Protein backbone atom coordinates (compact mmCIF):
# COMPACT_ATOMS: atom_id res chain seq x y z
CA MET A 1 -8.76 12.88 -14.61
CA THR A 2 -6.78 10.57 -17.37
CA VAL A 3 -4.33 7.61 -15.24
CA THR A 4 -1.32 7.16 -16.72
CA ALA A 5 0.09 3.98 -17.48
CA ALA A 6 2.05 2.15 -14.17
CA ALA A 7 5.42 1.55 -14.52
CA ASP A 8 6.77 -2.54 -12.98
CA PRO A 9 5.03 -3.15 -9.73
CA PRO A 10 7.29 -2.82 -6.56
CA ALA A 11 8.37 -6.08 -5.29
CA VAL A 12 5.85 -7.20 -2.71
CA ALA A 13 7.65 -7.65 1.24
CA PRO A 14 7.18 -9.89 3.86
CA ALA A 15 5.48 -8.91 6.54
CA ALA A 16 6.68 -7.89 9.88
CA PRO A 17 7.56 -9.98 13.22
CA ILE A 18 5.68 -7.17 15.47
CA PRO A 19 4.23 -4.33 13.65
CA LEU A 20 4.78 -1.05 14.05
CA PRO A 21 2.12 1.68 14.01
CA PRO A 22 2.26 4.73 11.57
CA GLU A 23 4.83 7.17 13.95
CA LEU A 24 7.50 4.87 13.57
CA ASP A 25 7.19 3.31 10.24
CA PRO A 26 7.75 6.85 8.69
CA GLY A 27 9.43 4.60 5.44
CA PHE A 28 6.50 3.24 4.49
CA TYR A 29 4.06 5.60 5.56
CA HIS A 30 5.41 9.00 4.62
CA PRO A 31 7.61 7.76 1.69
CA PRO A 32 9.95 10.74 0.17
CA ALA A 33 7.78 13.51 -1.92
CA GLU A 34 9.36 12.90 -5.01
CA ILE A 35 8.63 9.34 -5.20
CA VAL A 36 5.17 10.01 -4.69
CA ALA A 37 4.60 12.79 -7.16
CA ALA A 38 6.52 10.40 -9.83
CA LYS A 39 3.05 7.98 -9.32
CA ALA A 40 -0.04 8.42 -10.92
CA PRO A 41 -3.44 8.27 -8.59
CA GLY A 42 -3.91 5.02 -7.45
CA GLU A 43 -0.04 3.99 -8.15
CA ILE A 44 1.38 1.14 -5.58
CA ILE A 45 5.13 2.95 -3.76
CA ALA A 46 4.98 -0.29 -2.08
CA ALA A 47 3.80 -2.91 -0.78
CA ARG A 48 4.27 -6.32 2.62
CA GLU A 49 2.35 -8.78 3.56
CA VAL A 50 0.56 -8.16 7.19
CA HIS A 51 -1.24 -10.75 9.35
CA VAL A 52 -4.65 -9.64 10.56
CA ALA A 53 -6.48 -10.48 13.73
CA ASN A 54 -9.42 -10.08 15.84
CA LEU A 55 -8.70 -7.14 18.18
CA GLY A 56 -5.24 -7.48 17.63
CA ALA A 57 -5.00 -11.50 19.36
CA ILE A 58 -6.53 -13.85 17.47
CA PRO A 59 -5.60 -14.38 13.88
CA ILE A 60 -7.40 -14.50 11.06
CA ASN A 61 -6.62 -17.15 7.83
CA VAL A 62 -6.93 -14.57 5.10
CA ASP A 63 -4.97 -13.17 2.01
CA ALA A 64 -3.57 -9.45 3.66
CA TRP A 65 -1.92 -7.02 2.34
CA GLN A 66 -0.43 -3.53 2.72
CA VAL A 67 -0.17 -0.85 -0.46
CA SER A 68 1.10 2.52 0.09
CA TYR A 69 0.39 4.70 -3.16
CA ARG A 70 -0.23 8.08 -4.46
CA SER A 71 -3.46 10.06 -3.80
CA GLY A 72 -4.57 13.53 -3.92
CA ASP A 73 -5.61 16.19 -1.11
CA SER A 74 -7.95 18.91 -1.17
CA ARG A 75 -6.66 21.00 -3.27
CA ASP A 76 -4.71 17.70 -5.66
CA ARG A 77 -1.45 17.48 -4.64
CA PRO A 78 0.14 14.47 -4.31
CA ILE A 79 0.40 12.98 -0.57
CA PRO A 80 1.00 9.27 -0.04
CA ALA A 81 -2.17 6.59 0.78
CA VAL A 82 -2.01 3.62 2.99
CA ALA A 83 -4.67 0.45 2.53
CA THR A 84 -5.16 -2.61 3.21
CA VAL A 85 -5.94 -4.94 0.55
CA LEU A 86 -7.63 -8.24 1.74
CA LYS A 87 -8.96 -11.74 -0.32
CA PRO A 88 -10.34 -15.51 1.16
CA ARG A 89 -6.73 -17.43 1.14
CA GLY A 90 -6.04 -18.35 -2.69
CA SER A 91 -8.25 -16.88 -4.66
CA ALA A 92 -9.25 -15.20 -7.19
CA PRO A 93 -12.00 -13.04 -6.92
CA ASP A 94 -14.79 -10.14 -9.14
CA LYS A 95 -16.05 -9.13 -6.83
CA LEU A 96 -14.68 -6.19 -4.29
CA VAL A 97 -15.52 -3.94 -1.60
CA SER A 98 -13.90 -0.80 -0.28
CA MET A 99 -14.47 -0.72 3.05
CA GLN A 100 -14.39 2.11 4.82
CA ILE A 101 -13.81 2.34 8.63
CA ALA A 102 -14.81 5.05 11.08
CA GLU A 103 -11.04 6.22 12.43
CA ASP A 104 -12.39 9.22 14.08
CA SER A 105 -8.91 10.20 15.81
CA LEU A 106 -5.95 11.65 15.72
CA ALA A 107 -3.37 10.20 16.21
CA GLY A 108 -1.36 7.86 13.09
CA TYR A 109 -2.18 4.70 15.77
CA CYS A 110 -5.12 4.78 15.65
CA ALA A 111 -5.39 4.45 11.62
CA PRO A 112 -6.85 1.12 10.43
CA SER A 113 -4.17 -0.61 8.96
CA TYR A 114 -2.39 -0.74 12.02
CA ALA A 115 -5.25 -1.89 14.24
CA ILE A 116 -6.21 -4.70 12.96
CA GLN A 117 -2.94 -6.34 12.48
CA HIS A 118 -2.12 -9.26 14.85
CA LEU A 119 -0.06 -8.31 17.94
CA SER A 120 -1.44 -4.33 17.69
CA ALA A 121 -1.67 -2.12 20.32
CA GLY A 122 -3.99 0.22 18.96
CA PRO A 123 -6.80 -1.90 20.44
CA LEU A 124 -4.91 -1.44 23.63
CA LEU A 125 -4.87 1.78 23.33
CA GLY A 126 -8.71 3.37 22.62
CA GLN A 127 -8.87 2.07 18.64
CA ILE A 128 -12.41 -0.12 19.39
CA VAL A 129 -13.68 1.25 16.43
CA ALA A 130 -11.73 -0.03 14.06
CA PRO A 131 -11.37 -4.17 15.39
CA ALA A 132 -15.22 -4.04 16.33
CA GLU A 133 -16.01 -2.33 12.47
CA PHE A 134 -13.69 -5.13 11.29
CA VAL A 135 -15.35 -7.98 12.04
CA ILE A 136 -18.34 -6.50 9.20
CA ALA A 137 -15.37 -6.62 6.92
CA GLN A 138 -14.96 -10.16 7.27
CA GLY A 139 -18.53 -10.58 6.53
CA THR A 140 -17.82 -9.53 3.38
CA LEU A 141 -14.82 -11.33 2.83
CA GLN A 142 -16.90 -14.61 3.69
CA GLN A 143 -18.96 -13.99 0.65
CA GLY A 144 -15.81 -14.08 -1.26
CA TRP A 145 -14.76 -10.85 -1.66
CA ALA A 146 -12.23 -8.70 -1.77
CA VAL A 147 -11.68 -6.32 0.20
CA VAL A 148 -10.07 -3.06 0.26
CA ILE A 149 -10.05 -1.10 4.14
CA PRO A 150 -8.05 2.42 2.71
CA ASP A 151 -6.51 5.03 5.96
CA HIS A 152 -8.95 7.43 4.70
CA GLU A 153 -7.61 10.07 6.88
CA GLY A 154 -4.18 10.64 4.94
CA PRO A 155 -1.15 11.12 6.67
CA ASP A 156 -2.15 14.12 8.41
CA ASN A 157 -4.89 12.59 10.35
CA ALA A 158 -7.08 14.99 8.84
CA TYR A 159 -10.75 13.17 10.35
CA ALA A 160 -13.70 14.95 9.29
CA ALA A 161 -11.95 16.19 5.91
CA GLY A 162 -14.64 14.32 3.40
CA PRO A 163 -13.21 15.77 0.11
CA LEU A 164 -9.64 13.99 1.21
CA ALA A 165 -10.87 10.80 2.39
CA GLY A 166 -13.55 10.46 -1.20
CA ARG A 167 -9.78 11.01 -3.03
CA ILE A 168 -8.09 8.48 -0.26
CA THR A 169 -10.68 5.91 -0.86
CA LEU A 170 -11.20 6.20 -4.80
CA ASP A 171 -7.62 5.53 -5.38
CA GLY A 172 -7.09 2.85 -2.53
CA ILE A 173 -9.47 1.12 -5.36
CA ARG A 174 -7.54 1.64 -7.94
CA ALA A 175 -4.66 0.37 -5.84
CA ALA A 176 -6.44 -2.75 -5.59
CA ARG A 177 -7.70 -3.41 -8.41
CA ARG A 178 -3.95 -2.79 -10.08
CA PHE A 179 -2.38 -5.17 -6.96
CA GLU A 180 -1.71 -8.51 -9.29
CA PRO A 181 -1.48 -10.63 -5.68
CA MET A 182 -4.97 -9.37 -5.22
CA ARG A 183 -5.99 -11.61 -9.05
CA LEU A 184 -9.03 -9.69 -9.67
CA ALA A 185 -11.23 -10.23 -12.24
CA PRO A 186 -10.71 -6.78 -15.25
CA ASP A 187 -14.37 -6.99 -14.75
CA ALA A 188 -14.54 -7.31 -11.32
CA ARG A 189 -17.59 -5.56 -9.87
CA ILE A 190 -17.31 -2.80 -6.66
CA GLY A 191 -19.42 -1.99 -4.09
CA MET A 192 -18.80 0.39 -1.30
CA TYR A 193 -19.63 0.88 2.79
CA GLY A 194 -19.03 3.56 5.98
CA TYR A 195 -20.72 3.91 8.89
CA SER A 196 -20.57 7.18 10.84
CA GLY A 197 -17.42 8.42 9.79
CA GLY A 198 -16.55 6.06 7.22
CA ALA A 199 -19.78 7.90 5.54
CA ILE A 200 -18.08 10.49 5.98
CA ALA A 201 -15.23 9.20 3.20
CA THR A 202 -18.22 7.37 1.65
CA GLY A 203 -20.21 9.47 0.96
CA HIS A 204 -17.72 11.56 -1.00
CA ALA A 205 -15.89 9.08 -2.61
CA ALA A 206 -19.40 8.48 -3.87
CA GLU A 207 -20.17 12.28 -5.23
CA LEU A 208 -16.56 12.24 -6.64
CA GLN A 209 -16.21 9.21 -8.54
CA HIS A 210 -17.89 10.56 -11.14
CA THR A 211 -15.30 13.17 -11.83
CA TYR A 212 -12.49 11.54 -10.30
CA ALA A 213 -12.42 8.07 -10.94
CA PRO A 214 -14.93 7.38 -13.83
CA GLU A 215 -13.16 4.32 -15.01
CA LEU A 216 -14.68 2.40 -11.49
CA ASN A 217 -16.87 0.23 -12.49
CA ILE A 218 -18.60 0.91 -8.50
CA VAL A 219 -22.10 -0.61 -8.79
CA GLY A 220 -23.49 -0.08 -5.41
CA THR A 221 -22.79 2.12 -2.15
CA ALA A 222 -23.92 1.47 1.44
CA GLU A 223 -23.85 4.21 4.05
CA GLY A 224 -25.21 4.98 7.26
CA GLY A 225 -25.51 7.27 10.16
CA VAL A 226 -24.15 9.65 7.36
CA PRO A 227 -22.67 13.16 8.57
CA ALA A 228 -23.84 15.22 5.13
CA ASP A 229 -23.60 18.46 7.30
CA LEU A 230 -20.61 19.20 10.24
CA GLY A 231 -22.39 22.14 11.05
CA MET A 232 -25.79 20.23 11.86
CA THR A 233 -23.27 17.67 13.52
CA LEU A 234 -21.70 20.23 15.91
CA ASN A 235 -24.23 22.33 16.78
CA VAL A 236 -25.54 19.17 18.29
CA ALA A 237 -23.09 18.41 20.08
CA ASN A 238 -21.81 21.12 21.46
CA GLY A 239 -22.33 21.29 25.25
CA GLN A 240 -23.42 16.92 25.01
CA ALA A 241 -22.23 14.30 25.40
CA THR A 242 -21.00 13.56 22.55
CA SER A 243 -18.79 17.03 22.19
CA GLY A 244 -14.94 15.49 22.09
CA LEU A 245 -15.91 12.89 19.71
CA VAL A 246 -16.66 15.98 17.54
CA LEU A 247 -14.36 18.95 18.81
CA ALA A 248 -11.79 15.80 17.59
CA ALA A 249 -13.82 16.46 13.66
CA VAL A 250 -12.90 20.30 14.48
CA MET A 251 -9.09 19.64 14.81
CA GLY A 252 -8.93 17.05 11.80
CA LEU A 253 -10.28 19.80 9.77
CA THR A 254 -7.42 22.29 10.71
CA HIS A 255 -4.34 19.14 9.51
CA GLU A 256 -6.80 19.56 5.89
CA TYR A 257 -7.24 23.34 5.30
CA PRO A 258 -4.80 25.77 6.79
CA GLU A 259 -6.73 28.61 6.45
CA PHE A 260 -9.34 27.63 9.24
CA GLY A 261 -5.99 25.39 11.23
CA ARG A 262 -5.33 29.45 11.27
CA PHE A 263 -8.20 30.82 12.07
CA VAL A 264 -8.62 27.83 15.24
CA ASP A 265 -5.02 28.57 16.16
CA GLU A 266 -5.12 32.59 16.78
CA HIS A 267 -8.91 31.66 18.71
CA MET A 268 -8.79 29.53 21.19
CA ASP A 269 -8.96 30.00 24.97
CA PRO A 270 -6.50 28.46 27.15
CA LEU A 271 -9.18 25.37 27.92
CA GLY A 272 -9.09 25.01 24.78
CA ARG A 273 -5.98 24.39 23.51
CA ALA A 274 -5.16 21.98 26.64
CA VAL A 275 -8.54 20.06 25.62
CA THR A 276 -7.42 19.67 21.88
CA THR A 277 -3.24 18.80 23.14
CA VAL A 278 -4.80 16.42 25.08
CA GLN A 279 -7.23 14.56 22.23
CA GLY A 280 -3.81 15.37 19.69
CA GLY A 281 -2.62 11.90 20.92
CA LEU A 282 -5.40 9.87 21.96
CA CYS A 283 -8.07 7.38 19.96
CA VAL A 284 -11.44 7.44 19.59
CA GLN A 285 -12.28 5.56 22.56
CA TYR A 286 -10.81 8.08 25.08
CA VAL A 287 -11.80 11.20 22.54
CA SER A 288 -14.81 10.05 23.00
CA SER A 289 -15.30 9.10 26.40
CA LEU A 290 -13.20 10.97 28.37
CA LEU A 291 -13.66 14.54 27.07
CA PRO A 292 -17.59 15.10 27.22
CA PHE A 293 -20.08 18.48 27.64
CA LEU A 294 -17.48 20.61 25.94
CA ASN A 295 -18.56 23.86 25.47
CA ILE A 296 -16.94 24.32 22.00
CA LYS A 297 -18.22 27.27 20.49
CA GLY A 298 -17.62 29.08 23.71
CA MET A 299 -13.47 27.95 23.11
CA LEU A 300 -13.62 29.96 20.33
CA ARG A 301 -13.04 33.88 21.40
CA VAL A 302 -14.74 35.83 18.49
CA PRO A 303 -18.11 37.88 18.91
CA GLY A 304 -20.86 36.64 17.95
CA ASP A 305 -21.49 32.69 16.95
CA PRO A 306 -18.30 30.70 15.89
CA MET A 307 -19.84 29.34 13.31
CA GLN A 308 -20.99 32.85 11.39
CA GLN A 309 -17.45 33.21 10.93
CA PRO A 310 -15.88 33.26 7.16
CA ALA A 311 -13.01 30.32 7.87
CA VAL A 312 -15.69 28.34 9.30
CA THR A 313 -18.49 28.91 6.89
CA ASP A 314 -15.60 28.00 4.29
CA VAL A 315 -14.98 25.12 5.50
CA LEU A 316 -18.49 23.71 6.35
CA GLU A 317 -19.44 23.95 2.70
CA ARG A 318 -16.45 22.24 1.61
CA THR A 319 -17.43 19.34 3.59
CA ARG A 320 -20.56 19.52 3.11
CA MET A 321 -22.31 16.14 1.00
CA GLY A 322 -24.84 17.25 -1.67
CA LYS A 323 -22.81 18.98 -4.30
CA ALA A 324 -23.34 16.29 -7.13
CA VAL A 325 -25.46 13.08 -7.08
CA PRO A 326 -23.64 9.96 -6.91
CA ASP A 327 -23.81 7.81 -10.47
CA MET A 328 -23.97 4.65 -8.60
CA PRO A 329 -27.33 3.21 -6.97
CA MET A 330 -27.12 4.45 -3.04
CA TYR A 331 -28.92 2.57 -0.01
CA ILE A 332 -28.61 5.00 3.24
CA TRP A 333 -29.92 4.37 6.49
CA GLN A 334 -30.12 6.61 9.53
CA GLY A 335 -31.35 5.93 12.61
CA ASN A 336 -33.97 9.02 14.43
CA PRO A 337 -32.95 9.62 16.98
CA ASP A 338 -29.41 9.52 16.28
CA GLU A 339 -27.70 11.07 19.83
CA ILE A 340 -24.79 11.88 17.17
CA ILE A 341 -25.81 12.78 13.84
CA PRO A 342 -28.84 14.42 13.81
CA VAL A 343 -31.15 13.11 11.81
CA GLY A 344 -32.13 15.91 9.38
CA GLN A 345 -29.13 16.30 7.09
CA VAL A 346 -29.66 12.90 6.01
CA ASN A 347 -32.76 13.82 4.44
CA ASN A 348 -32.13 16.99 3.41
CA LEU A 349 -28.97 14.97 1.96
CA VAL A 350 -31.48 12.09 0.15
CA ASP A 351 -33.85 15.47 -0.77
CA THR A 352 -31.23 17.37 -2.60
CA TYR A 353 -29.78 14.00 -4.56
CA CYS A 354 -33.73 13.21 -5.44
CA GLN A 355 -34.05 16.41 -7.36
CA SER A 356 -32.18 14.71 -10.33
CA PRO A 357 -34.29 11.98 -12.05
CA SER A 358 -31.14 10.21 -12.48
CA ALA A 359 -30.80 9.59 -8.84
CA THR A 360 -31.21 6.13 -7.48
CA VAL A 361 -31.60 6.23 -3.70
CA GLN A 362 -32.39 3.68 -0.95
CA TYR A 363 -33.38 5.15 2.27
CA THR A 364 -34.37 3.62 5.77
CA ARG A 365 -34.64 4.94 9.05
CA GLU A 366 -34.68 3.36 12.05
CA HIS A 367 -37.43 4.68 14.72
CA LEU A 368 -35.60 2.73 18.25
CA ALA A 369 -32.38 3.54 17.10
CA GLU A 370 -28.86 4.56 18.57
CA HIS A 371 -25.75 5.47 16.67
CA VAL A 372 -23.78 2.35 17.23
CA ALA A 373 -26.67 -0.18 17.96
CA THR A 374 -27.86 1.65 14.04
CA GLU A 375 -25.05 0.29 12.80
CA ILE A 376 -25.32 -3.16 13.84
CA SER A 377 -28.99 -3.35 13.23
CA GLY A 378 -28.68 -1.76 9.75
CA ALA A 379 -25.61 -4.21 8.77
CA GLY A 380 -27.11 -6.78 7.93
CA PRO A 381 -30.00 -5.54 5.34
CA ALA A 382 -27.05 -2.84 3.79
CA MET A 383 -25.01 -5.90 3.10
CA LEU A 384 -27.85 -7.60 1.39
CA TRP A 385 -28.66 -5.01 -0.21
CA LEU A 386 -24.65 -4.49 -1.51
CA ARG A 387 -24.64 -7.97 -2.66
CA ASP A 388 -27.39 -8.08 -4.83
CA ARG A 389 -25.64 -5.41 -6.63
CA LEU A 390 -22.56 -6.99 -7.19
CA ASP A 391 -24.25 -10.17 -8.17
CA GLY A 392 -25.81 -7.88 -11.50
CA VAL A 393 -29.43 -7.10 -9.62
CA PRO A 394 -30.51 -3.70 -10.52
CA ALA A 395 -31.75 -1.42 -8.27
CA GLN A 396 -35.44 -0.69 -8.32
CA PRO A 397 -34.50 2.79 -9.74
CA GLY A 398 -35.71 6.24 -8.45
CA CYS A 399 -36.04 7.06 -4.83
CA HIS A 400 -38.10 5.47 -2.26
CA THR A 401 -37.31 6.11 1.69
CA ALA A 402 -38.83 3.34 4.53
CA ASP A 403 -39.20 3.91 8.14
CA ALA A 404 -38.59 0.86 10.19
CA GLY A 405 -38.82 0.08 14.34
CA TRP A 406 -36.22 -1.78 14.28
CA LEU A 407 -33.73 -2.90 11.35
CA LEU A 408 -32.66 -6.27 13.75
CA LEU A 409 -36.22 -7.55 13.01
CA ASP A 410 -35.34 -7.99 9.58
CA PRO A 411 -35.08 -11.58 8.85
CA ASN A 412 -33.06 -11.98 6.10
CA GLY A 413 -30.73 -8.58 7.23
CA PHE A 414 -30.00 -10.90 10.62
CA GLN A 415 -29.73 -13.88 9.24
CA MET A 416 -26.80 -12.32 7.47
CA LEU A 417 -25.55 -10.41 10.86
CA ALA A 418 -25.59 -13.83 12.64
CA SER A 419 -23.79 -15.64 9.74
CA THR A 420 -21.16 -13.33 9.81
CA PHE A 421 -20.55 -14.24 13.74
CA GLY A 422 -20.74 -17.00 13.72
CA GLU A 423 -18.28 -17.30 10.57
CA THR A 424 -15.80 -14.79 12.76
CA PHE A 425 -16.22 -16.78 15.82
CA ALA A 426 -15.42 -20.24 13.76
CA SER A 427 -12.16 -18.20 11.84
CA PHE A 428 -11.10 -17.96 16.10
CA PHE A 429 -10.21 -22.11 15.41
CA GLY A 430 -8.49 -21.35 11.61
CA LYS A 431 -10.87 -22.19 9.60
CA PRO A 432 -10.68 -19.99 6.21
CA ILE A 433 -12.69 -17.10 5.59
CA GLY A 434 -14.55 -16.95 2.41
CA VAL A 435 -13.56 -20.66 0.77
CA LYS A 436 -15.91 -22.43 -1.31
């Protein structure tokens, strides 16, 4: 894709006294269509300072802004997107990490750009994942790196729509590079990171980069808990404790794929309509915990297995990973067992990549595992791997699979994780993050 030269950058607005969620801030989150269409992918439409915080309450001493920029949906139509860009106070970083947070929700106020702001109500309203994963993002800032956090579900909150999320992620990197106050080095190395819902965006971005944004110098991608095959994820969740979370993903796909949306609307039974109406206004905590043990398939009144219906097989194929081998080295970690993301789909993804002689993949399976716990235990080793790539250390060529009992036993990874939490605690008292 050719990216045209950008116009003069917009003025940066000051931070608002009280942050507003997208529903109450349409001017920034939903600019006029003609303004969006006039921009190139990744070109900035508007920018403003923001104050970020832990749990919406404890301010963090970093440089932070929001940028609104043009991206494209899965049919290449122009759409607006928003990302939060951060860097250590007063620095000019030579490394940038795109951190895809697992939003896993269907309402605008659940977006990371709102949930991580000071005085945001998002954490109180059920968006508990974004503040938690924001601590990992602070670990990257502590290294002196710049960070971009895209709202990768897009303006319609299309949870689980991977190709859309991948485009928004790559255009968010473009926007961060173009944003002059970030003071990024022209040759800055770029990494990507995401877990679970964030891995949906990260994995698709890695696969799309070669054709969609080949100019980006992405030197490594780390992803874990990877929902590479949403059909397999749904089959396992049906009737189980995680069914509410996966049903929300089904409804998120209807926001991006109209044909699938029409199919669901035509065949959803009254119980399904009631449940999805409630879910549509909730963030991840309530989506996942208030509606367990749902028979998702049983809500669709069709003969036989709904998974075999053409509209369903089409959307599952469109969102399945493994269609292209990423150009950059990949670090993938996965719990086995994982009660949300079955390990088989990640094994299949790695096998698919590794059929190509050009693939560079380090795949680690943790066996003392649980979905959330594996994110925490695997974050340290993943960040150490990514740090080597950003420092210019070549990845081991080819494909390598390792099995670990418990990733927290990796002493270097544990030290990285402990340092992250320690520095985050110090930031509670005003210490600048990442300033050397």
